[in-house]
Amino acid sequence: MLYKKEKEDRSMNQYCKFDSQMLTMFMSSLYLAALISSIVVSIVTSKLGGKLSMLFGGILFCAGKIFSNSIRSKFETFIFAIL
């Protein structure tokens, strides 16, 4: 869908190429997740140290991948992107 819109758009405006609220909301959820995780990881690393925080991060990553494979709706996609 986005590829088709990109090919149809002949304007030179690169700033606002896609007018999709769903895409904007998804990207915003990723930015929000990065902001929250950077704050949390600084606290965890200062309290637990580097090795344990890397282990904890790896466990959370694997858990997120397991949960993301069970996604059934677009709403769940946004929730798991934040997690």
N, C-alpha and C. Protein backbone atom coordinates (compact mmCIF):
# COMPACT_ATOMS: atom_id res chain seq x y z
N MET A 1 0.81 -1.18 0.00
CA MET A 1 0.00 0.00 0.00
C MET A 1 0.86 1.26 0.00
N LEU A 2 1.89 1.32 0.87
CA LEU A 2 2.74 2.49 0.91
C LEU A 2 3.60 2.60 -0.34
N TYR A 3 4.04 1.47 -0.85
CA TYR A 3 4.86 1.48 -2.06
C TYR A 3 4.05 2.02 -3.24
N LYS A 4 2.78 1.63 -3.31
CA LYS A 4 1.92 2.10 -4.39
C LYS A 4 1.71 3.61 -4.28
N LYS A 5 1.48 4.12 -3.07
CA LYS A 5 1.32 5.56 -2.87
C LYS A 5 2.60 6.30 -3.24
N GLU A 6 3.74 5.71 -2.91
CA GLU A 6 5.02 6.36 -3.21
C GLU A 6 5.22 6.48 -4.72
N LYS A 7 4.86 5.46 -5.46
CA LYS A 7 5.00 5.49 -6.91
C LYS A 7 4.03 6.47 -7.57
N GLU A 8 2.83 6.61 -6.99
CA GLU A 8 1.83 7.51 -7.56
C GLU A 8 2.14 8.97 -7.25
N ASP A 9 2.85 9.24 -6.17
CA ASP A 9 3.13 10.62 -5.77
C ASP A 9 4.24 11.19 -6.64
N ARG A 10 3.93 12.22 -7.40
CA ARG A 10 4.90 12.85 -8.30
C ARG A 10 5.45 14.16 -7.75
N SER A 11 5.01 14.57 -6.58
CA SER A 11 5.48 15.84 -6.03
C SER A 11 6.91 15.70 -5.53
N MET A 12 7.57 16.81 -5.36
CA MET A 12 8.95 16.83 -4.91
C MET A 12 9.05 16.98 -3.39
N ASN A 13 7.92 17.06 -2.71
CA ASN A 13 7.90 17.23 -1.27
C ASN A 13 8.27 15.92 -0.58
N GLN A 14 9.45 15.85 0.00
CA GLN A 14 9.91 14.64 0.68
C GLN A 14 9.51 14.63 2.15
N TYR A 15 9.09 15.79 2.68
CA TYR A 15 8.77 15.87 4.11
C TYR A 15 7.47 15.14 4.43
N CYS A 16 6.44 15.36 3.68
CA CYS A 16 5.14 14.76 3.96
C CYS A 16 4.74 13.86 2.80
N LYS A 17 5.41 12.76 2.67
CA LYS A 17 5.18 11.87 1.54
C LYS A 17 3.97 10.96 1.78
N PHE A 18 3.80 10.47 3.01
CA PHE A 18 2.72 9.55 3.31
C PHE A 18 1.75 10.22 4.26
N ASP A 19 0.49 10.21 3.92
CA ASP A 19 -0.54 10.79 4.76
C ASP A 19 -1.35 9.66 5.39
N SER A 20 -0.76 9.01 6.37
CA SER A 20 -1.39 7.87 7.00
C SER A 20 -1.34 8.03 8.52
N GLN A 21 -2.50 8.14 9.14
CA GLN A 21 -2.53 8.27 10.59
C GLN A 21 -2.05 7.00 11.28
N MET A 22 -2.32 5.85 10.66
CA MET A 22 -1.90 4.58 11.25
C MET A 22 -0.37 4.49 11.29
N LEU A 23 0.28 4.87 10.20
CA LEU A 23 1.74 4.86 10.15
C LEU A 23 2.33 5.86 11.13
N THR A 24 1.72 7.03 11.22
CA THR A 24 2.19 8.05 12.15
C THR A 24 2.04 7.59 13.59
N MET A 25 0.92 6.96 13.91
CA MET A 25 0.71 6.47 15.27
C MET A 25 1.71 5.35 15.60
N PHE A 26 1.98 4.48 14.65
CA PHE A 26 2.94 3.40 14.89
C PHE A 26 4.33 3.96 15.14
N MET A 27 4.75 4.92 14.32
CA MET A 27 6.08 5.51 14.50
C MET A 27 6.16 6.27 15.82
N SER A 28 5.10 6.94 16.20
CA SER A 28 5.08 7.66 17.47
C SER A 28 5.19 6.69 18.64
N SER A 29 4.55 5.54 18.52
CA SER A 29 4.64 4.55 19.60
C SER A 29 6.07 4.02 19.73
N LEU A 30 6.77 3.89 18.60
CA LEU A 30 8.17 3.46 18.66
C LEU A 30 9.05 4.50 19.34
N TYR A 31 8.82 5.78 19.03
CA TYR A 31 9.59 6.85 19.66
C TYR A 31 9.31 6.91 21.16
N LEU A 32 8.05 6.72 21.53
CA LEU A 32 7.68 6.73 22.94
C LEU A 32 8.34 5.55 23.67
N ALA A 33 8.35 4.40 23.04
CA ALA A 33 8.99 3.22 23.65
C ALA A 33 10.48 3.45 23.83
N ALA A 34 11.13 4.08 22.85
CA ALA A 34 12.57 4.35 22.97
C ALA A 34 12.85 5.33 24.10
N LEU A 35 12.01 6.33 24.25
CA LEU A 35 12.19 7.31 25.32
C LEU A 35 12.05 6.66 26.69
N ILE A 36 10.99 5.89 26.86
CA ILE A 36 10.75 5.24 28.16
C ILE A 36 11.83 4.22 28.47
N SER A 37 12.22 3.43 27.47
CA SER A 37 13.23 2.41 27.73
C SER A 37 14.59 3.01 28.03
N SER A 38 14.94 4.14 27.44
CA SER A 38 16.23 4.75 27.75
C SER A 38 16.27 5.26 29.19
N ILE A 39 15.14 5.75 29.69
CA ILE A 39 15.09 6.19 31.08
C ILE A 39 15.18 5.00 32.02
N VAL A 40 14.43 3.94 31.72
CA VAL A 40 14.42 2.75 32.59
C VAL A 40 15.78 2.07 32.58
N VAL A 41 16.41 1.96 31.41
CA VAL A 41 17.67 1.23 31.34
C VAL A 41 18.79 1.97 32.08
N SER A 42 18.74 3.28 32.13
CA SER A 42 19.77 3.99 32.89
C SER A 42 19.64 3.71 34.38
N ILE A 43 18.41 3.62 34.88
CA ILE A 43 18.20 3.31 36.29
C ILE A 43 18.61 1.88 36.60
N VAL A 44 18.20 0.95 35.74
CA VAL A 44 18.52 -0.47 35.96
C VAL A 44 20.02 -0.70 35.90
N THR A 45 20.70 -0.09 34.94
CA THR A 45 22.14 -0.30 34.79
C THR A 45 22.90 0.27 35.97
N SER A 46 22.46 1.40 36.49
CA SER A 46 23.18 1.97 37.64
C SER A 46 22.98 1.13 38.90
N LYS A 47 21.85 0.44 39.01
CA LYS A 47 21.61 -0.37 40.21
C LYS A 47 22.14 -1.80 40.08
N LEU A 48 22.02 -2.42 38.91
CA LEU A 48 22.39 -3.83 38.76
C LEU A 48 23.75 -4.05 38.12
N GLY A 49 24.22 -3.09 37.36
CA GLY A 49 25.47 -3.27 36.64
C GLY A 49 25.20 -3.66 35.19
N GLY A 50 26.27 -3.67 34.42
CA GLY A 50 26.15 -3.90 32.99
C GLY A 50 25.73 -5.31 32.60
N LYS A 51 26.34 -6.32 33.23
CA LYS A 51 26.06 -7.70 32.83
C LYS A 51 24.60 -8.10 33.10
N LEU A 52 24.13 -7.79 34.30
CA LEU A 52 22.75 -8.16 34.64
C LEU A 52 21.73 -7.37 33.82
N SER A 53 22.04 -6.12 33.53
CA SER A 53 21.09 -5.34 32.73
C SER A 53 21.04 -5.87 31.30
N MET A 54 22.17 -6.33 30.75
CA MET A 54 22.16 -6.94 29.41
C MET A 54 21.38 -8.25 29.41
N LEU A 55 21.55 -9.04 30.46
CA LEU A 55 20.80 -10.29 30.58
C LEU A 55 19.30 -10.01 30.70
N PHE A 56 18.94 -9.04 31.52
CA PHE A 56 17.54 -8.65 31.68
C PHE A 56 16.96 -8.13 30.36
N GLY A 57 17.73 -7.33 29.64
CA GLY A 57 17.28 -6.83 28.35
C GLY A 57 17.09 -7.93 27.33
N GLY A 58 17.96 -8.92 27.32
CA GLY A 58 17.82 -10.05 26.42
C GLY A 58 16.59 -10.88 26.72
N ILE A 59 16.32 -11.07 27.99
CA ILE A 59 15.11 -11.81 28.39
C ILE A 59 13.85 -11.05 27.97
N LEU A 60 13.83 -9.73 28.18
CA LEU A 60 12.68 -8.93 27.77
C LEU A 60 12.51 -8.94 26.25
N PHE A 61 13.61 -8.91 25.51
CA PHE A 61 13.53 -8.96 24.06
C PHE A 61 12.90 -10.27 23.59
N CYS A 62 13.36 -11.39 24.15
CA CYS A 62 12.80 -12.69 23.77
C CYS A 62 11.33 -12.80 24.16
N ALA A 63 10.97 -12.28 25.33
CA ALA A 63 9.56 -12.29 25.74
C ALA A 63 8.72 -11.43 24.79
N GLY A 64 9.24 -10.30 24.38
CA GLY A 64 8.52 -9.44 23.45
C GLY A 64 8.31 -10.10 22.11
N LYS A 65 9.30 -10.83 21.63
CA LYS A 65 9.17 -11.55 20.36
C LYS A 65 8.13 -12.67 20.46
N ILE A 66 8.11 -13.36 21.57
CA ILE A 66 7.11 -14.42 21.77
C ILE A 66 5.71 -13.82 21.78
N PHE A 67 5.54 -12.72 22.52
CA PHE A 67 4.22 -12.07 22.57
C PHE A 67 3.83 -11.47 21.23
N SER A 68 4.78 -10.92 20.50
CA SER A 68 4.44 -10.27 19.23
C SER A 68 4.02 -11.28 18.17
N ASN A 69 4.40 -12.52 18.32
CA ASN A 69 3.95 -13.55 17.39
C ASN A 69 2.48 -13.92 17.59
N SER A 70 1.91 -13.48 18.70
CA SER A 70 0.50 -13.81 18.97
C SER A 70 -0.43 -12.63 18.68
N ILE A 71 0.04 -11.64 17.93
CA ILE A 71 -0.75 -10.45 17.64
C ILE A 71 -1.93 -10.79 16.72
N ARG A 72 -3.10 -10.28 17.08
CA ARG A 72 -4.30 -10.53 16.27
C ARG A 72 -4.92 -9.25 15.73
N SER A 73 -4.59 -8.08 16.30
CA SER A 73 -5.22 -6.84 15.85
C SER A 73 -4.18 -5.72 15.78
N LYS A 74 -4.57 -4.62 15.15
CA LYS A 74 -3.67 -3.48 15.03
C LYS A 74 -3.42 -2.82 16.37
N PHE A 75 -4.42 -2.83 17.24
CA PHE A 75 -4.26 -2.26 18.57
C PHE A 75 -3.16 -2.99 19.36
N GLU A 76 -3.14 -4.31 19.25
CA GLU A 76 -2.12 -5.10 19.94
C GLU A 76 -0.74 -4.79 19.36
N THR A 77 -0.66 -4.46 18.09
CA THR A 77 0.63 -4.09 17.49
C THR A 77 1.20 -2.88 18.18
N PHE A 78 0.39 -1.88 18.45
CA PHE A 78 0.86 -0.67 19.11
C PHE A 78 1.27 -0.96 20.55
N ILE A 79 0.51 -1.78 21.23
CA ILE A 79 0.84 -2.10 22.62
C ILE A 79 2.17 -2.84 22.70
N PHE A 80 2.39 -3.83 21.84
CA PHE A 80 3.64 -4.59 21.88
C PHE A 80 4.81 -3.79 21.35
N ALA A 81 4.56 -2.79 20.50
CA ALA A 81 5.65 -1.92 20.05
C ALA A 81 6.15 -1.07 21.21
N ILE A 82 5.23 -0.68 22.08
CA ILE A 82 5.64 0.10 23.25
C ILE A 82 6.38 -0.78 24.25
N LEU A 83 5.94 -2.03 24.40
CA LEU A 83 6.62 -2.93 25.33
C LEU A 83 7.98 -3.29 24.79
